[in-house]
Amino acid sequence: MKNWAAFAPLAALGVLVIVSAFLLLRGGERELFSAGSIGRAAPAYALEAMGGGDPVLAETRAGRAYVINLFASWCGPCRAEHPQLMALQARGVEIVGVAYKDKPENAARFLNELGNPFAAVGLDPEGRFGLELGVVGVPETFVIGPGGEVRAVHRGPLTDRDVRDVITPALLAD
């Protein structure tokens, strides 16, 4: 009986690992949360522009589809997805970058190092705009339709497959 008691903490840890893995890998809730954003109006925004100048405004992009990408210099997955954003820009996709909970000088250094795929970069130092969009964490990418509606949401770093299967169809939808 004493031998069993010695293994009880290890067994409890094993059960905790199995339950945690199940909850993390099932993905259903994340998909539901993303799907709940689709079709709703994107929040209006007037963000301070990185580097100064005119604010980054939603109304500037009215009438055309575009992408909003929330990123941060401290975000490793943001660095991993950056080539996808550069490729989208090279294809002529308009992307608005939002430096989420980041210092402007750090975001600028990040973009100087990796390249700047954004038509404009707005600052969201306290994450308020991100909350309005429904951001869970960075990176997150939103496709906004010509009427200002959210057409697609991708949470996490973009891959070739995500661009092909989620972002591009949402940009081209009528």
N, C-alpha and C. Protein backbone atom coordinates (compact mmCIF):
# COMPACT_ATOMS: atom_id res chain seq x y z
N MET A 1 0.82 -1.19 0.00
CA MET A 1 0.00 0.00 0.00
C MET A 1 0.86 1.25 0.00
N LYS A 2 1.99 1.21 0.75
CA LYS A 2 2.86 2.38 0.79
C LYS A 2 3.47 2.66 -0.59
N ASN A 3 3.73 1.61 -1.37
CA ASN A 3 4.28 1.81 -2.71
C ASN A 3 3.31 2.59 -3.60
N TRP A 4 2.01 2.29 -3.49
CA TRP A 4 1.00 2.99 -4.28
C TRP A 4 0.95 4.47 -3.91
N ALA A 5 1.04 4.79 -2.66
CA ALA A 5 1.01 6.19 -2.20
C ALA A 5 2.20 6.97 -2.74
N ALA A 6 3.31 6.32 -2.94
CA ALA A 6 4.49 7.00 -3.48
C ALA A 6 4.28 7.39 -4.94
N PHE A 7 3.47 6.63 -5.67
CA PHE A 7 3.23 6.91 -7.09
C PHE A 7 2.00 7.79 -7.33
N ALA A 8 1.23 8.10 -6.31
CA ALA A 8 0.01 8.90 -6.47
C ALA A 8 0.29 10.28 -7.07
N PRO A 9 1.31 11.01 -6.59
CA PRO A 9 1.58 12.32 -7.21
C PRO A 9 1.95 12.20 -8.69
N LEU A 10 2.69 11.17 -9.04
CA LEU A 10 3.07 10.96 -10.44
C LEU A 10 1.84 10.63 -11.28
N ALA A 11 0.95 9.82 -10.76
CA ALA A 11 -0.29 9.49 -11.48
C ALA A 11 -1.15 10.73 -11.66
N ALA A 12 -1.26 11.56 -10.61
CA ALA A 12 -2.04 12.80 -10.70
C ALA A 12 -1.44 13.74 -11.77
N LEU A 13 -0.12 13.80 -11.80
CA LEU A 13 0.55 14.63 -12.81
C LEU A 13 0.26 14.10 -14.22
N GLY A 14 0.28 12.80 -14.39
CA GLY A 14 -0.02 12.19 -15.69
C GLY A 14 -1.43 12.52 -16.14
N VAL A 15 -2.40 12.44 -15.24
CA VAL A 15 -3.79 12.77 -15.57
C VAL A 15 -3.88 14.25 -15.95
N LEU A 16 -3.21 15.12 -15.23
CA LEU A 16 -3.21 16.55 -15.52
C LEU A 16 -2.63 16.84 -16.90
N VAL A 17 -1.55 16.16 -17.25
CA VAL A 17 -0.93 16.34 -18.57
C VAL A 17 -1.88 15.89 -19.67
N ILE A 18 -2.53 14.76 -19.50
CA ILE A 18 -3.45 14.25 -20.51
C ILE A 18 -4.64 15.19 -20.70
N VAL A 19 -5.23 15.65 -19.62
CA VAL A 19 -6.37 16.58 -19.71
C VAL A 19 -5.93 17.89 -20.35
N SER A 20 -4.78 18.41 -19.96
CA SER A 20 -4.28 19.66 -20.55
C SER A 20 -4.03 19.51 -22.04
N ALA A 21 -3.42 18.42 -22.44
CA ALA A 21 -3.16 18.19 -23.87
C ALA A 21 -4.47 18.12 -24.65
N PHE A 22 -5.45 17.44 -24.10
CA PHE A 22 -6.76 17.36 -24.76
C PHE A 22 -7.37 18.74 -24.94
N LEU A 23 -7.37 19.54 -23.89
CA LEU A 23 -7.97 20.87 -23.97
C LEU A 23 -7.22 21.79 -24.92
N LEU A 24 -5.93 21.70 -24.97
CA LEU A 24 -5.14 22.56 -25.85
C LEU A 24 -5.24 22.15 -27.31
N LEU A 25 -5.35 20.87 -27.58
CA LEU A 25 -5.30 20.38 -28.95
C LEU A 25 -6.66 20.27 -29.64
N ARG A 26 -7.74 20.35 -28.90
CA ARG A 26 -9.04 20.15 -29.54
C ARG A 26 -9.43 21.31 -30.44
N GLY A 27 -9.08 22.57 -30.12
CA GLY A 27 -9.25 23.69 -31.02
C GLY A 27 -10.67 24.15 -31.27
N GLY A 28 -11.68 23.43 -30.87
CA GLY A 28 -13.06 23.78 -31.16
C GLY A 28 -13.47 25.15 -30.65
N GLU A 29 -13.11 25.47 -29.44
CA GLU A 29 -13.50 26.76 -28.89
C GLU A 29 -12.84 27.91 -29.63
N ARG A 30 -11.57 27.74 -30.02
CA ARG A 30 -10.90 28.78 -30.78
C ARG A 30 -11.60 29.01 -32.10
N GLU A 31 -12.02 27.93 -32.77
CA GLU A 31 -12.72 28.06 -34.03
C GLU A 31 -14.06 28.75 -33.83
N LEU A 32 -14.79 28.39 -32.77
CA LEU A 32 -16.06 29.04 -32.49
C LEU A 32 -15.88 30.52 -32.22
N PHE A 33 -14.84 30.86 -31.48
CA PHE A 33 -14.61 32.26 -31.16
C PHE A 33 -14.31 33.05 -32.43
N SER A 34 -13.50 32.48 -33.30
CA SER A 34 -13.18 33.13 -34.57
C SER A 34 -14.42 33.26 -35.43
N ALA A 35 -15.21 32.19 -35.51
CA ALA A 35 -16.40 32.20 -36.35
C ALA A 35 -17.39 33.24 -35.87
N GLY A 36 -17.42 33.53 -34.57
CA GLY A 36 -18.34 34.53 -34.04
C GLY A 36 -18.01 35.94 -34.51
N SER A 37 -16.80 36.17 -34.96
CA SER A 37 -16.40 37.49 -35.46
C SER A 37 -16.78 37.69 -36.91
N ILE A 38 -16.90 36.61 -37.66
CA ILE A 38 -17.16 36.68 -39.09
C ILE A 38 -18.53 37.31 -39.34
N GLY A 39 -18.53 38.28 -40.25
CA GLY A 39 -19.78 38.94 -40.63
C GLY A 39 -20.13 40.17 -39.82
N ARG A 40 -19.52 40.34 -38.68
CA ARG A 40 -19.84 41.53 -37.89
C ARG A 40 -19.01 42.72 -38.39
N ALA A 41 -19.47 43.91 -38.06
CA ALA A 41 -18.74 45.11 -38.47
C ALA A 41 -17.43 45.21 -37.70
N ALA A 42 -16.38 45.50 -38.41
CA ALA A 42 -15.09 45.75 -37.74
C ALA A 42 -15.22 47.07 -36.99
N PRO A 43 -14.57 47.18 -35.85
CA PRO A 43 -14.66 48.43 -35.11
C PRO A 43 -14.01 49.59 -35.87
N ALA A 44 -14.61 50.76 -35.76
CA ALA A 44 -13.98 51.95 -36.32
C ALA A 44 -12.71 52.22 -35.52
N TYR A 45 -11.70 52.74 -36.18
CA TYR A 45 -10.47 53.00 -35.46
C TYR A 45 -9.79 54.25 -35.99
N ALA A 46 -9.10 54.89 -35.09
CA ALA A 46 -8.23 56.03 -35.38
C ALA A 46 -7.01 55.83 -34.48
N LEU A 47 -6.02 55.15 -35.01
CA LEU A 47 -4.84 54.80 -34.22
C LEU A 47 -3.70 55.77 -34.51
N GLU A 48 -2.95 56.08 -33.49
CA GLU A 48 -1.75 56.90 -33.68
C GLU A 48 -0.82 56.14 -34.62
N ALA A 49 -0.30 56.85 -35.61
CA ALA A 49 0.59 56.22 -36.58
C ALA A 49 1.99 56.07 -36.00
N MET A 50 2.59 54.92 -36.25
CA MET A 50 3.97 54.73 -35.83
C MET A 50 4.84 55.72 -36.61
N GLY A 51 5.69 56.43 -35.92
CA GLY A 51 6.55 57.42 -36.55
C GLY A 51 5.89 58.78 -36.70
N GLY A 52 4.66 58.93 -36.21
CA GLY A 52 3.97 60.21 -36.29
C GLY A 52 3.20 60.36 -37.59
N GLY A 53 2.69 61.53 -37.81
CA GLY A 53 1.91 61.80 -39.01
C GLY A 53 0.43 61.58 -38.78
N ASP A 54 -0.29 61.49 -39.88
CA ASP A 54 -1.74 61.33 -39.81
C ASP A 54 -2.10 60.01 -39.14
N PRO A 55 -3.20 60.00 -38.38
CA PRO A 55 -3.61 58.75 -37.73
C PRO A 55 -4.00 57.69 -38.76
N VAL A 56 -3.95 56.46 -38.34
CA VAL A 56 -4.38 55.33 -39.17
C VAL A 56 -5.88 55.17 -38.93
N LEU A 57 -6.66 55.38 -40.00
CA LEU A 57 -8.11 55.43 -39.89
C LEU A 57 -8.78 54.31 -40.68
N ALA A 58 -9.85 53.77 -40.13
CA ALA A 58 -10.65 52.77 -40.84
C ALA A 58 -11.26 53.38 -42.09
N GLU A 59 -11.75 54.60 -41.98
CA GLU A 59 -12.47 55.22 -43.10
C GLU A 59 -11.58 55.42 -44.33
N THR A 60 -10.27 55.45 -44.15
CA THR A 60 -9.35 55.61 -45.27
C THR A 60 -9.43 54.41 -46.22
N ARG A 61 -9.83 53.25 -45.70
CA ARG A 61 -9.86 52.02 -46.49
C ARG A 61 -11.27 51.59 -46.87
N ALA A 62 -12.25 52.43 -46.62
CA ALA A 62 -13.64 52.10 -46.94
C ALA A 62 -13.78 51.82 -48.44
N GLY A 63 -14.55 50.81 -48.77
CA GLY A 63 -14.82 50.49 -50.16
C GLY A 63 -13.89 49.48 -50.78
N ARG A 64 -12.91 49.00 -50.04
CA ARG A 64 -12.02 47.96 -50.58
C ARG A 64 -11.65 46.97 -49.46
N ALA A 65 -11.39 45.75 -49.88
CA ALA A 65 -10.99 44.71 -48.93
C ALA A 65 -9.52 44.90 -48.57
N TYR A 66 -9.18 44.63 -47.32
CA TYR A 66 -7.81 44.74 -46.86
C TYR A 66 -7.62 43.85 -45.64
N VAL A 67 -6.39 43.78 -45.17
CA VAL A 67 -6.02 42.92 -44.05
C VAL A 67 -5.54 43.78 -42.89
N ILE A 68 -5.94 43.40 -41.68
CA ILE A 68 -5.37 43.98 -40.46
C ILE A 68 -4.57 42.87 -39.79
N ASN A 69 -3.32 43.16 -39.45
CA ASN A 69 -2.47 42.18 -38.78
C ASN A 69 -1.97 42.79 -37.48
N LEU A 70 -2.27 42.14 -36.37
CA LEU A 70 -1.75 42.56 -35.08
C LEU A 70 -0.47 41.80 -34.80
N PHE A 71 0.58 42.54 -34.48
CA PHE A 71 1.90 41.96 -34.27
C PHE A 71 2.57 42.67 -33.10
N ALA A 72 3.70 42.13 -32.67
CA ALA A 72 4.52 42.77 -31.64
C ALA A 72 5.96 42.31 -31.80
N SER A 73 6.86 43.19 -31.47
CA SER A 73 8.29 42.86 -31.59
C SER A 73 8.70 41.74 -30.63
N TRP A 74 7.99 41.60 -29.53
CA TRP A 74 8.32 40.60 -28.52
C TRP A 74 7.70 39.24 -28.83
N CYS A 75 7.00 39.13 -29.95
CA CYS A 75 6.23 37.93 -30.31
C CYS A 75 7.01 37.06 -31.28
N GLY A 76 7.47 35.89 -30.82
CA GLY A 76 8.20 34.96 -31.68
C GLY A 76 7.39 34.48 -32.88
N PRO A 77 6.12 34.08 -32.71
CA PRO A 77 5.33 33.67 -33.86
C PRO A 77 5.11 34.79 -34.89
N CYS A 78 5.16 36.05 -34.44
CA CYS A 78 5.04 37.17 -35.38
C CYS A 78 6.24 37.18 -36.33
N ARG A 79 7.38 36.88 -35.80
CA ARG A 79 8.60 36.81 -36.61
C ARG A 79 8.49 35.65 -37.61
N ALA A 80 7.92 34.53 -37.17
CA ALA A 80 7.77 33.36 -38.03
C ALA A 80 6.81 33.62 -39.19
N GLU A 81 5.74 34.39 -38.96
CA GLU A 81 4.76 34.63 -40.02
C GLU A 81 5.14 35.78 -40.95
N HIS A 82 6.16 36.54 -40.60
CA HIS A 82 6.49 37.75 -41.34
C HIS A 82 6.72 37.51 -42.84
N PRO A 83 7.39 36.44 -43.25
CA PRO A 83 7.54 36.20 -44.70
C PRO A 83 6.20 36.10 -45.43
N GLN A 84 5.19 35.57 -44.76
CA GLN A 84 3.85 35.48 -45.38
C GLN A 84 3.28 36.87 -45.62
N LEU A 85 3.48 37.77 -44.66
CA LEU A 85 2.99 39.14 -44.82
C LEU A 85 3.74 39.86 -45.94
N MET A 86 5.04 39.63 -46.02
CA MET A 86 5.83 40.24 -47.10
C MET A 86 5.35 39.72 -48.47
N ALA A 87 5.01 38.43 -48.54
CA ALA A 87 4.52 37.85 -49.80
C ALA A 87 3.15 38.43 -50.16
N LEU A 88 2.28 38.61 -49.18
CA LEU A 88 0.98 39.23 -49.44
C LEU A 88 1.15 40.65 -49.97
N GLN A 89 2.04 41.41 -49.35
CA GLN A 89 2.29 42.77 -49.81
C GLN A 89 2.81 42.76 -51.24
N ALA A 90 3.71 41.83 -51.56
CA ALA A 90 4.27 41.74 -52.92
C ALA A 90 3.18 41.42 -53.95
N ARG A 91 2.11 40.76 -53.51
CA ARG A 91 0.98 40.47 -54.40
C ARG A 91 0.01 41.64 -54.50
N GLY A 92 0.30 42.73 -53.80
CA GLY A 92 -0.56 43.91 -53.87
C GLY A 92 -1.64 43.99 -52.82
N VAL A 93 -1.59 43.12 -51.82
CA VAL A 93 -2.59 43.15 -50.74
C VAL A 93 -2.25 44.29 -49.79
N GLU A 94 -3.26 45.10 -49.50
CA GLU A 94 -3.08 46.19 -48.54
C GLU A 94 -3.21 45.63 -47.13
N ILE A 95 -2.18 45.84 -46.33
CA ILE A 95 -2.16 45.33 -44.96
C ILE A 95 -1.94 46.49 -44.00
N VAL A 96 -2.81 46.59 -43.01
CA VAL A 96 -2.64 47.56 -41.93
C VAL A 96 -2.03 46.80 -40.76
N GLY A 97 -0.88 47.24 -40.31
CA GLY A 97 -0.25 46.63 -39.15
C GLY A 97 -0.67 47.36 -37.90
N VAL A 98 -0.85 46.62 -36.84
CA VAL A 98 -1.16 47.20 -35.54
C VAL A 98 -0.14 46.66 -34.55
N ALA A 99 0.70 47.56 -34.05
CA ALA A 99 1.71 47.19 -33.05
C ALA A 99 0.98 47.06 -31.71
N TYR A 100 0.73 45.83 -31.32
CA TYR A 100 -0.11 45.50 -30.17
C TYR A 100 0.73 45.42 -28.90
N LYS A 101 0.38 46.27 -27.94
CA LYS A 101 1.06 46.29 -26.64
C LYS A 101 2.58 46.31 -26.79
N ASP A 102 3.05 47.16 -27.67
CA ASP A 102 4.47 47.23 -27.98
C ASP A 102 4.93 48.68 -27.92
N LYS A 103 6.20 48.87 -27.68
CA LYS A 103 6.77 50.21 -27.71
C LYS A 103 7.06 50.58 -29.16
N PRO A 104 6.76 51.80 -29.56
CA PRO A 104 6.96 52.20 -30.95
C PRO A 104 8.38 51.96 -31.45
N GLU A 105 9.36 52.26 -30.62
CA GLU A 105 10.75 52.08 -31.07
C GLU A 105 11.10 50.60 -31.28
N ASN A 106 10.50 49.71 -30.47
CA ASN A 106 10.74 48.28 -30.65
C ASN A 106 10.04 47.76 -31.91
N ALA A 107 8.81 48.23 -32.14
CA ALA A 107 8.09 47.83 -33.35
C ALA A 107 8.82 48.32 -34.60
N ALA A 108 9.32 49.54 -34.56
CA ALA A 108 10.06 50.09 -35.70
C ALA A 108 11.33 49.29 -35.96
N ARG A 109 12.03 48.92 -34.92
CA ARG A 109 13.25 48.12 -35.06
C ARG A 109 12.92 46.75 -35.67
N PHE A 110 11.84 46.14 -35.22
CA PHE A 110 11.36 44.85 -35.74
C PHE A 110 11.11 44.95 -37.24
N LEU A 111 10.41 46.00 -37.68
CA LEU A 111 10.09 46.17 -39.10
C LEU A 111 11.31 46.56 -39.92
N ASN A 112 12.21 47.32 -39.33
CA ASN A 112 13.45 47.67 -40.05
C ASN A 112 14.30 46.42 -40.30
N GLU A 113 14.28 45.52 -39.34
CA GLU A 113 15.06 44.28 -39.47
C GLU A 113 14.46 43.31 -40.48
N LEU A 114 13.13 43.13 -40.44
CA LEU A 114 12.48 42.10 -41.25
C LEU A 114 11.85 42.61 -42.54
N GLY A 115 11.70 43.92 -42.65
CA GLY A 115 10.97 44.51 -43.77
C GLY A 115 9.59 44.93 -43.31
N ASN A 116 9.06 45.94 -43.98
CA ASN A 116 7.76 46.47 -43.59
C ASN A 116 6.71 46.15 -44.65
N PRO A 117 5.83 45.17 -44.37
CA PRO A 117 4.80 44.81 -45.34
C PRO A 117 3.54 45.67 -45.25
N PHE A 118 3.53 46.63 -44.33
CA PHE A 118 2.31 47.35 -44.01
C PHE A 118 2.17 48.66 -44.76
N ALA A 119 0.95 48.93 -45.24
CA ALA A 119 0.63 50.21 -45.86
C ALA A 119 0.63 51.31 -44.80
N ALA A 120 0.27 50.93 -43.59
CA ALA A 120 0.27 51.85 -42.44
C ALA A 120 0.43 51.00 -41.18
N VAL A 121 1.04 51.61 -40.16
CA VAL A 121 1.19 50.92 -38.88
C VAL A 121 0.60 51.81 -37.79
N GLY A 122 -0.42 51.28 -37.13
CA GLY A 122 -1.03 51.98 -36.01
C GLY A 122 -0.52 51.41 -34.70
N LEU A 123 -0.56 52.24 -33.68
CA LEU A 123 -0.10 51.83 -32.36
C LEU A 123 -1.29 51.50 -31.46
N ASP A 124 -1.18 50.41 -30.76
CA ASP A 124 -2.19 49.99 -29.78
C ASP A 124 -1.47 49.61 -28.50
N PRO A 125 -0.86 50.61 -27.84
CA PRO A 125 0.03 50.32 -26.71
C PRO A 125 -0.66 49.66 -25.52
N GLU A 126 -1.93 49.90 -25.33
CA GLU A 126 -2.64 49.30 -24.20
C GLU A 126 -3.55 48.15 -24.61
N GLY A 127 -3.62 47.88 -25.90
CA GLY A 127 -4.42 46.76 -26.38
C GLY A 127 -5.90 47.03 -26.49
N ARG A 128 -6.31 48.28 -26.45
CA ARG A 128 -7.75 48.59 -26.50
C ARG A 128 -8.37 48.24 -27.85
N PHE A 129 -7.70 48.61 -28.94
CA PHE A 129 -8.23 48.27 -30.25
C PHE A 129 -8.27 46.76 -30.42
N GLY A 130 -7.24 46.08 -29.96
CA GLY A 130 -7.22 44.63 -30.02
C GLY A 130 -8.43 44.02 -29.31
N LEU A 131 -8.77 44.56 -28.15
CA LEU A 131 -9.95 44.07 -27.43
C LEU A 131 -11.22 44.29 -28.24
N GLU A 132 -11.33 45.45 -28.90
CA GLU A 132 -12.51 45.72 -29.72
C GLU A 132 -12.62 44.73 -30.88
N LEU A 133 -11.48 44.33 -31.43
CA LEU A 133 -11.48 43.35 -32.52
C LEU A 133 -11.77 41.94 -32.01
N GLY A 134 -11.48 41.70 -30.74
CA GLY A 134 -11.66 40.36 -30.17
C GLY A 134 -10.39 39.54 -30.18
N VAL A 135 -9.26 40.22 -30.12
CA VAL A 135 -7.97 39.55 -30.16
C VAL A 135 -7.78 38.68 -28.92
N VAL A 136 -7.25 37.49 -29.16
CA VAL A 136 -6.91 36.58 -28.07
C VAL A 136 -5.42 36.72 -27.75
N GLY A 137 -4.61 36.88 -28.76
CA GLY A 137 -3.16 37.04 -28.61
C GLY A 137 -2.57 37.34 -29.98
N VAL A 138 -1.31 37.67 -30.03
CA VAL A 138 -0.69 37.96 -31.32
C VAL A 138 0.17 36.79 -31.76
N PRO A 139 0.34 36.61 -33.05
CA PRO A 139 -0.24 37.39 -34.13
C PRO A 139 -1.68 36.96 -34.42
N GLU A 140 -2.45 37.91 -34.91
CA GLU A 140 -3.80 37.64 -35.39
C GLU A 140 -4.03 38.47 -36.64
N THR A 141 -4.75 37.89 -37.57
CA THR A 141 -4.97 38.52 -38.87
C THR A 141 -6.47 38.53 -39.17
N PHE A 142 -6.94 39.69 -39.61
CA PHE A 142 -8.35 39.89 -39.93
C PHE A 142 -8.46 40.37 -41.37
N VAL A 143 -9.37 39.79 -42.12
CA VAL A 143 -9.68 40.31 -43.45
C VAL A 143 -10.94 41.14 -43.31
N ILE A 144 -10.84 42.40 -43.74
CA ILE A 144 -11.96 43.33 -43.67
C ILE A 144 -12.48 43.54 -45.09
N GLY A 145 -13.79 43.38 -45.27
CA GLY A 145 -14.40 43.55 -46.58
C GLY A 145 -14.62 45.01 -46.92
N PRO A 146 -14.99 45.29 -48.17
CA PRO A 146 -15.20 46.67 -48.62
C PRO A 146 -16.26 47.43 -47.81
N GLY A 147 -17.21 46.69 -47.25
CA GLY A 147 -18.26 47.31 -46.44
C GLY A 147 -17.89 47.45 -44.98
N GLY A 148 -16.66 47.07 -44.61
CA GLY A 148 -16.21 47.20 -43.23
C GLY A 148 -16.50 45.99 -42.37
N GLU A 149 -16.98 44.91 -42.97
CA GLU A 149 -17.29 43.70 -42.21
C GLU A 149 -16.07 42.80 -42.10
N VAL A 150 -16.01 42.04 -41.01
CA VAL A 150 -14.94 41.06 -40.83
C VAL A 150 -15.29 39.85 -41.68
N ARG A 151 -14.41 39.55 -42.63
CA ARG A 151 -14.64 38.41 -43.53
C ARG A 151 -13.93 37.15 -43.08
N ALA A 152 -12.80 37.31 -42.43
CA ALA A 152 -12.04 36.15 -41.97
C ALA A 152 -11.18 36.55 -40.79
N VAL A 153 -10.92 35.58 -39.93
CA VAL A 153 -10.05 35.78 -38.78
C VAL A 153 -9.10 34.59 -38.74
N HIS A 154 -7.81 34.89 -38.59
CA HIS A 154 -6.85 33.81 -38.39
C HIS A 154 -6.05 34.13 -37.13
N ARG A 155 -6.10 33.23 -36.19
CA ARG A 155 -5.37 33.38 -34.93
C ARG A 155 -4.11 32.54 -34.99
N GLY A 156 -2.97 33.18 -34.70
CA GLY A 156 -1.69 32.48 -34.77
C GLY A 156 -0.93 32.89 -36.01
N PRO A 157 0.27 32.36 -36.16
CA PRO A 157 1.10 32.75 -37.31
C PRO A 157 0.54 32.20 -38.62
N LEU A 158 0.56 33.03 -39.65
CA LEU A 158 0.11 32.62 -40.98
C LEU A 158 1.09 31.65 -41.61
N THR A 159 0.56 30.69 -42.32
CA THR A 159 1.36 29.77 -43.13
C THR A 159 0.91 29.92 -44.57
N ASP A 160 1.63 29.28 -45.50
CA ASP A 160 1.21 29.28 -46.90
C ASP A 160 -0.23 28.78 -47.02
N ARG A 161 -0.51 27.72 -46.30
CA ARG A 161 -1.85 27.12 -46.36
C ARG A 161 -2.92 28.09 -45.85
N ASP A 162 -2.65 28.80 -44.77
CA ASP A 162 -3.62 29.77 -44.23
C ASP A 162 -3.89 30.88 -45.24
N VAL A 163 -2.83 31.35 -45.88
CA VAL A 163 -3.00 32.40 -46.88
C VAL A 163 -3.83 31.88 -48.04
N ARG A 164 -3.53 30.67 -48.49
CA ARG A 164 -4.25 30.08 -49.63
C ARG A 164 -5.71 29.77 -49.28
N ASP A 165 -5.95 29.18 -48.09
CA ASP A 165 -7.28 28.66 -47.76
C ASP A 165 -8.18 29.63 -47.01
N VAL A 166 -7.60 30.64 -46.34
CA VAL A 166 -8.41 31.54 -45.51
C VAL A 166 -8.32 32.99 -46.01
N ILE A 167 -7.12 33.53 -46.08
CA ILE A 167 -6.94 34.95 -46.36
C ILE A 167 -7.33 35.31 -47.79
N THR A 168 -6.76 34.61 -48.77
CA THR A 168 -7.02 34.94 -50.18
C THR A 168 -8.49 34.79 -50.55
N PRO A 169 -9.16 33.69 -50.18
CA PRO A 169 -10.59 33.60 -50.53
C PRO A 169 -11.42 34.72 -49.89
N ALA A 170 -11.09 35.12 -48.68
CA ALA A 170 -11.84 36.19 -48.02
C ALA A 170 -11.61 37.53 -48.71
N LEU A 171 -10.39 37.76 -49.18
CA LEU A 171 -10.11 39.00 -49.91
C LEU A 171 -10.83 39.05 -51.24
N LEU A 172 -10.99 37.90 -51.88
CA LEU A 172 -11.59 37.85 -53.22
C LEU A 172 -13.11 37.66 -53.20
N ALA A 173 -13.69 37.38 -52.04
CA ALA A 173 -15.14 37.13 -51.95
C ALA A 173 -15.91 38.37 -52.40
N ASP A 174 -17.05 38.09 -53.05
CA ASP A 174 -17.89 39.21 -53.51
C ASP A 174 -18.93 39.57 -52.49
